[in-house]
Amino acid sequence: MRQDQTIQIYQSAVDPTMGAEQGAQWWEDVSAELDAVIAAPDCTAGAGIIAWWHHDWSMVGQNPKLVASRIRREAARVLNS
């Protein structure tokens, strides 16, 4: 997917404060993980891919399965528009 699509999906599903200033390599790495979450057979499998991202987020009511679900939903919206 294009970098602008990666950023849009990540901002909508994970963290709206992250932008292009993170740098191209950072976004390439994020894109690879988003691709894996999107391609996962279900949200539980997708959550396993990103579980390490959200270890500290449990303090604010986040968990990998919720985030994987948002990523997959946002990706469908962004990539199919």
Protein backbone atom coordinates (compact mmCIF):
# COMPACT_ATOMS: atom_id res chain seq x y z
CA MET A 1 0.00 0.00 0.00
CA ARG A 2 1.10 3.58 -0.48
CA GLN A 3 2.62 5.51 2.42
CA ASP A 4 -0.31 7.95 2.53
CA GLN A 5 -2.70 5.00 2.89
CA THR A 6 -0.55 3.50 5.64
CA ILE A 7 -0.55 6.80 7.51
CA GLN A 8 -4.30 7.23 7.10
CA ILE A 9 -5.06 3.73 8.38
CA TYR A 10 -2.63 4.04 11.30
CA GLN A 11 -3.93 7.46 12.30
CA SER A 12 -7.55 6.29 12.19
CA ALA A 13 -7.02 2.95 13.89
CA VAL A 14 -4.07 3.44 16.22
CA ASP A 15 -2.68 6.92 16.87
CA PRO A 16 -3.87 10.14 15.22
CA THR A 17 -0.76 12.03 16.33
CA MET A 18 1.63 10.08 14.11
CA GLY A 19 2.44 11.53 10.70
CA ALA A 20 4.91 11.68 7.85
CA GLU A 21 7.51 13.19 10.19
CA GLN A 22 8.13 9.66 11.51
CA GLY A 23 10.13 9.05 8.36
CA ALA A 24 9.85 6.73 5.40
CA GLN A 25 11.57 3.73 7.01
CA TRP A 26 9.34 3.87 10.09
CA TRP A 27 6.26 3.92 7.85
CA GLU A 28 7.62 1.06 5.71
CA ASP A 29 7.96 -1.03 8.87
CA VAL A 30 4.45 -0.07 10.01
CA SER A 31 3.10 -0.85 6.54
CA ALA A 32 4.57 -4.36 6.65
CA GLU A 33 2.84 -5.01 9.97
CA LEU A 34 -0.44 -3.50 8.78
CA ASP A 35 -0.26 -5.72 5.69
CA ALA A 36 0.19 -8.75 7.95
CA VAL A 37 -2.76 -7.74 10.16
CA ILE A 38 -4.95 -7.18 7.10
CA ALA A 39 -3.94 -10.54 5.58
CA ALA A 40 -4.45 -12.44 8.84
CA PRO A 41 -7.34 -14.91 8.72
CA ASP A 42 -9.12 -13.13 11.58
CA CYS A 43 -8.74 -10.40 14.23
CA THR A 44 -7.28 -12.79 16.78
CA ALA A 45 -4.45 -13.75 14.43
CA GLY A 46 -3.99 -10.09 13.51
CA ALA A 47 -3.78 -9.20 17.18
CA GLY A 48 -0.90 -11.64 17.62
CA ILE A 49 1.09 -9.70 15.03
CA ILE A 50 0.76 -6.38 16.83
CA ALA A 51 0.57 -7.51 20.44
CA TRP A 52 4.01 -6.10 21.17
CA TRP A 53 2.87 -2.60 20.07
CA HIS A 54 0.24 -2.41 22.76
CA HIS A 55 1.76 -3.91 25.87
CA ASP A 56 1.61 -0.58 27.69
CA TRP A 57 -1.76 0.42 26.24
CA SER A 58 -3.65 -1.95 28.50
CA MET A 59 -3.54 0.85 31.07
CA VAL A 60 -5.86 2.93 28.85
CA GLY A 61 -8.30 0.24 27.82
CA GLN A 62 -6.63 -0.85 24.59
CA ASN A 63 -5.81 -4.36 23.53
CA PRO A 64 -4.34 -5.84 20.36
CA LYS A 65 -7.59 -7.49 19.25
CA LEU A 66 -9.52 -4.20 19.38
CA VAL A 67 -6.74 -2.43 17.49
CA ALA A 68 -6.47 -5.23 14.91
CA SER A 69 -10.20 -4.96 14.34
CA ARG A 70 -9.92 -1.19 13.80
CA ILE A 71 -6.95 -1.65 11.45
CA ARG A 72 -8.84 -4.17 9.34
CA ARG A 73 -11.97 -2.00 9.24
CA GLU A 74 -10.01 1.16 8.32
CA ALA A 75 -7.95 -0.69 5.73
CA ALA A 76 -11.12 -1.93 4.03
CA ARG A 77 -12.45 1.62 3.95
CA VAL A 78 -9.20 3.28 2.76
CA LEU A 79 -8.07 0.65 0.29
CA ASN A 80 -11.50 0.12 -1.27
CA SER A 81 -12.40 3.77 -1.76
